[in-house]
Each structure stands twice: as structure tokens, then as C-alpha cells.
Amino acid sequence: MASTKDYLDYVLEQLSGLEDISYRAMMGEYVLYYQGKVFGGIYDNRFLVKPVKSAAELMPEAPYELPYEGGKEMLMVEDIEDRELMEKLLNAMVGELPAPKKRKPKK
């Protein structure tokens, strides 16, 4: 089941206190970026984030879920409406996330 644009818009609205949030549509789902780094995504209308140490500490009760068959487990964000937590979460995570890989230019 693909994610809906309405759900993406809802999540982006909850993250609107942060600057430099972007997304990319991929195969019916949405990959989310903060300050140019992938931090999570919308998969089957679920908001999932990478299970870095700070995310696990800020959401100790969050269930681990697969974004798609064959994917790596991610943490499901259940309290999306807590904007303060969302900002704290992303600001804590960004330092632990890898820098984006440089793409080779097309010939």
C-alpha cells in the first residue's frame, strides 16, 4: 500500500517548526531529509525514523517496524502531534546521521 500525499502533508505540518525539511517521492513512499540528511520516511502511512541512539533514547517505547519487505528496521513515531518532541528528536538525530553520498555526474 502506498502512502498518501495527505499523510505526508500532515507529517510535514508537524515538522514545520524546523527549517530545511525536504522529501523525495520513491516508489509510492516518501524519504524525508533534515539538513540534507536522510532521517526517515513515510511508509504505508507510517512515520518511521532511523534507529540511531538518540532516537531510541527519546522514544524508548517506540516499536521497531520494517519500512518495506527486505528493509532495515526503523522506529515508528507514534506521537507525531508532539511538535516539541519532533523538533528535539530531529535536532538530536542530525548529528548521528551520515552525510549524504556524493553522486557521480551523469555522462
C-alpha atoms as a PDB file:
ATOM      1  CA  MET A   1       0.000   0.000   0.000  1.00  0.00           C
ATOM      2  CA  ALA A   2       1.445   3.360  -0.987  1.00  0.00           C
ATOM      3  CA  SER A   3       1.457   6.349   1.338  1.00  0.00           C
ATOM      4  CA  THR A   4      -0.898   9.223   0.694  1.00  0.00           C
ATOM      5  CA  LYS A   5       0.119  12.812  -0.020  1.00  0.00           C
ATOM      6  CA  ASP A   6      -2.341  13.866   2.711  1.00  0.00           C
ATOM      7  CA  TYR A   7      -0.413  11.895   5.340  1.00  0.00           C
ATOM      8  CA  LEU A   8       2.880  13.331   4.088  1.00  0.00           C
ATOM      9  CA  ASP A   9       1.426  16.847   4.351  1.00  0.00           C
ATOM     10  CA  TYR A  10       0.241  16.091   7.908  1.00  0.00           C
ATOM     11  CA  VAL A  11       3.717  14.932   8.995  1.00  0.00           C
ATOM     12  CA  LEU A  12       5.376  17.912   7.296  1.00  0.00           C
ATOM     13  CA  GLU A  13       2.967  20.242   9.105  1.00  0.00           C
ATOM     14  CA  GLN A  14       4.003  18.712  12.443  1.00  0.00           C
ATOM     15  CA  LEU A  15       7.655  19.319  11.493  1.00  0.00           C
ATOM     16  CA  SER A  16       7.034  22.869  10.245  1.00  0.00           C
ATOM     17  CA  GLY A  17       8.898  24.394  13.211  1.00  0.00           C
ATOM     18  CA  LEU A  18      12.133  23.100  11.715  1.00  0.00           C
ATOM     19  CA  GLU A  19      13.836  24.630   8.707  1.00  0.00           C
ATOM     20  CA  ASP A  20      15.419  22.611   5.921  1.00  0.00           C
ATOM     21  CA  ILE A  21      12.991  19.671   5.917  1.00  0.00           C
ATOM     22  CA  SER A  22      12.567  18.147   2.471  1.00  0.00           C
ATOM     23  CA  TYR A  23      11.313  14.942   0.928  1.00  0.00           C
ATOM     24  CA  ARG A  24      11.600  12.810  -2.165  1.00  0.00           C
ATOM     25  CA  ALA A  25       8.900  10.513  -3.520  1.00  0.00           C
ATOM     26  CA  MET A  26      10.153   6.973  -4.133  1.00  0.00           C
ATOM     27  CA  MET A  27       8.020   4.093  -5.345  1.00  0.00           C
ATOM     28  CA  GLY A  28       4.834   5.310  -3.669  1.00  0.00           C
ATOM     29  CA  GLU A  29       6.564   6.228  -0.410  1.00  0.00           C
ATOM     30  CA  TYR A  30       8.422   9.332   0.799  1.00  0.00           C
ATOM     31  CA  VAL A  31      12.004   9.649   2.028  1.00  0.00           C
ATOM     32  CA  LEU A  32      12.454  12.537   4.481  1.00  0.00           C
ATOM     33  CA  TYR A  33      15.544  14.730   4.829  1.00  0.00           C
ATOM     34  CA  TYR A  34      16.668  17.165   7.513  1.00  0.00           C
ATOM     35  CA  GLN A  35      19.581  19.453   6.686  1.00  0.00           C
ATOM     36  CA  GLY A  36      20.228  17.300   3.632  1.00  0.00           C
ATOM     37  CA  LYS A  37      20.492  14.041   5.610  1.00  0.00           C
ATOM     38  CA  VAL A  38      18.027  11.142   5.392  1.00  0.00           C
ATOM     39  CA  PHE A  39      16.421  10.714   8.804  1.00  0.00           C
ATOM     40  CA  GLY A  40      13.376   8.610   7.964  1.00  0.00           C
ATOM     41  CA  GLY A  41      10.333   8.405   5.773  1.00  0.00           C
ATOM     42  CA  ILE A  42       6.668   7.746   5.273  1.00  0.00           C
ATOM     43  CA  TYR A  43       5.982   4.078   4.550  1.00  0.00           C
ATOM     44  CA  ASP A  44       2.418   2.749   4.274  1.00  0.00           C
ATOM     45  CA  ASN A  45       1.217   5.905   6.052  1.00  0.00           C
ATOM     46  CA  ARG A  46       3.572   5.287   8.978  1.00  0.00           C
ATOM     47  CA  PHE A  47       6.186   7.845  10.041  1.00  0.00           C
ATOM     48  CA  LEU A  48       9.422   5.908  10.603  1.00  0.00           C
ATOM     49  CA  VAL A  49      12.857   7.219  11.594  1.00  0.00           C
ATOM     50  CA  LYS A  50      16.308   5.667  11.580  1.00  0.00           C
ATOM     51  CA  PRO A  51      17.049   3.850  14.848  1.00  0.00           C
ATOM     52  CA  VAL A  52      20.059   5.944  15.870  1.00  0.00           C
ATOM     53  CA  LYS A  53      20.971   6.099  19.562  1.00  0.00           C
ATOM     54  CA  SER A  54      19.346   9.482  20.247  1.00  0.00           C
ATOM     55  CA  ALA A  55      16.050   8.426  18.632  1.00  0.00           C
ATOM     56  CA  ALA A  56      15.934   5.226  20.685  1.00  0.00           C
ATOM     57  CA  GLU A  57      16.654   7.205  23.863  1.00  0.00           C
ATOM     58  CA  LEU A  58      13.993   9.855  23.175  1.00  0.00           C
ATOM     59  CA  MET A  59      11.368   7.253  22.223  1.00  0.00           C
ATOM     60  CA  PRO A  60      12.178   4.200  24.392  1.00  0.00           C
ATOM     61  CA  GLU A  61       8.711   2.685  23.905  1.00  0.00           C
ATOM     62  CA  ALA A  62       8.658   3.116  20.108  1.00  0.00           C
ATOM     63  CA  PRO A  63       8.129  -0.120  18.202  1.00  0.00           C
ATOM     64  CA  TYR A  64      10.619  -1.250  15.575  1.00  0.00           C
ATOM     65  CA  GLU A  65       8.982  -1.749  12.177  1.00  0.00           C
ATOM     66  CA  LEU A  66      10.092  -2.711   8.693  1.00  0.00           C
ATOM     67  CA  PRO A  67       9.522   0.091   6.179  1.00  0.00           C
ATOM     68  CA  TYR A  68       9.092  -2.480   3.404  1.00  0.00           C
ATOM     69  CA  GLU A  69       9.882  -6.131   2.840  1.00  0.00           C
ATOM     70  CA  GLY A  70      13.642  -6.611   2.960  1.00  0.00           C
ATOM     71  CA  GLY A  71      14.282  -3.191   4.548  1.00  0.00           C
ATOM     72  CA  LYS A  72      16.100  -2.462   7.792  1.00  0.00           C
ATOM     73  CA  GLU A  73      14.064  -1.945  10.950  1.00  0.00           C
ATOM     74  CA  MET A  74      13.187   1.620  11.829  1.00  0.00           C
ATOM     75  CA  LEU A  75      11.493   3.281  14.796  1.00  0.00           C
ATOM     76  CA  MET A  76       7.839   4.180  14.382  1.00  0.00           C
ATOM     77  CA  VAL A  77       6.952   7.665  15.613  1.00  0.00           C
ATOM     78  CA  GLU A  78       3.614   7.347  17.361  1.00  0.00           C
ATOM     79  CA  ASP A  79       3.280  10.770  18.993  1.00  0.00           C
ATOM     80  CA  ILE A  80       3.528  12.878  15.839  1.00  0.00           C
ATOM     81  CA  GLU A  81       1.391  15.642  17.322  1.00  0.00           C
ATOM     82  CA  ASP A  82       4.017  16.433  19.976  1.00  0.00           C
ATOM     83  CA  ARG A  83       5.843  19.111  17.965  1.00  0.00           C
ATOM     84  CA  GLU A  84       8.314  19.790  20.786  1.00  0.00           C
ATOM     85  CA  LEU A  85       9.346  16.128  20.782  1.00  0.00           C
ATOM     86  CA  MET A  86       9.605  16.113  16.966  1.00  0.00           C
ATOM     87  CA  GLU A  87      11.963  19.101  16.980  1.00  0.00           C
ATOM     88  CA  LYS A  88      14.027  17.653  19.825  1.00  0.00           C
ATOM     89  CA  LEU A  89      14.168  14.284  18.041  1.00  0.00           C
ATOM     90  CA  LEU A  90      15.396  15.615  14.714  1.00  0.00           C
ATOM     91  CA  ASN A  91      17.884  18.035  16.252  1.00  0.00           C
ATOM     92  CA  ALA A  92      19.340  15.177  18.316  1.00  0.00           C
ATOM     93  CA  MET A  93      19.422  12.763  15.365  1.00  0.00           C
ATOM     94  CA  VAL A  94      21.033  15.037  12.788  1.00  0.00           C
ATOM     95  CA  GLY A  95      24.493  14.787  14.377  1.00  0.00           C
ATOM     96  CA  GLU A  96      24.382  10.980  14.245  1.00  0.00           C
ATOM     97  CA  LEU A  97      23.224  10.691  10.647  1.00  0.00           C
ATOM     98  CA  PRO A  98      25.744  10.088   7.869  1.00  0.00           C
ATOM     99  CA  ALA A  99      26.481  12.849   5.394  1.00  0.00           C
ATOM    100  CA  PRO A 100      24.810  12.378   2.021  1.00  0.00           C
ATOM    101  CA  LYS A 101      26.830  10.424  -0.520  1.00  0.00           C
ATOM    102  CA  LYS A 102      28.115  12.426  -3.441  1.00  0.00           C
ATOM    103  CA  ARG A 103      26.566  11.322  -6.711  1.00  0.00           C
ATOM    104  CA  LYS A 104      28.681  10.823  -9.757  1.00  0.00           C
ATOM    105  CA  PRO A 105      27.707  13.186 -12.559  1.00  0.00           C
ATOM    106  CA  LYS A 106      25.900  11.622 -15.476  1.00  0.00           C
ATOM    107  CA  LYS A 107      27.872  11.441 -18.703  1.00  0.00           C
END
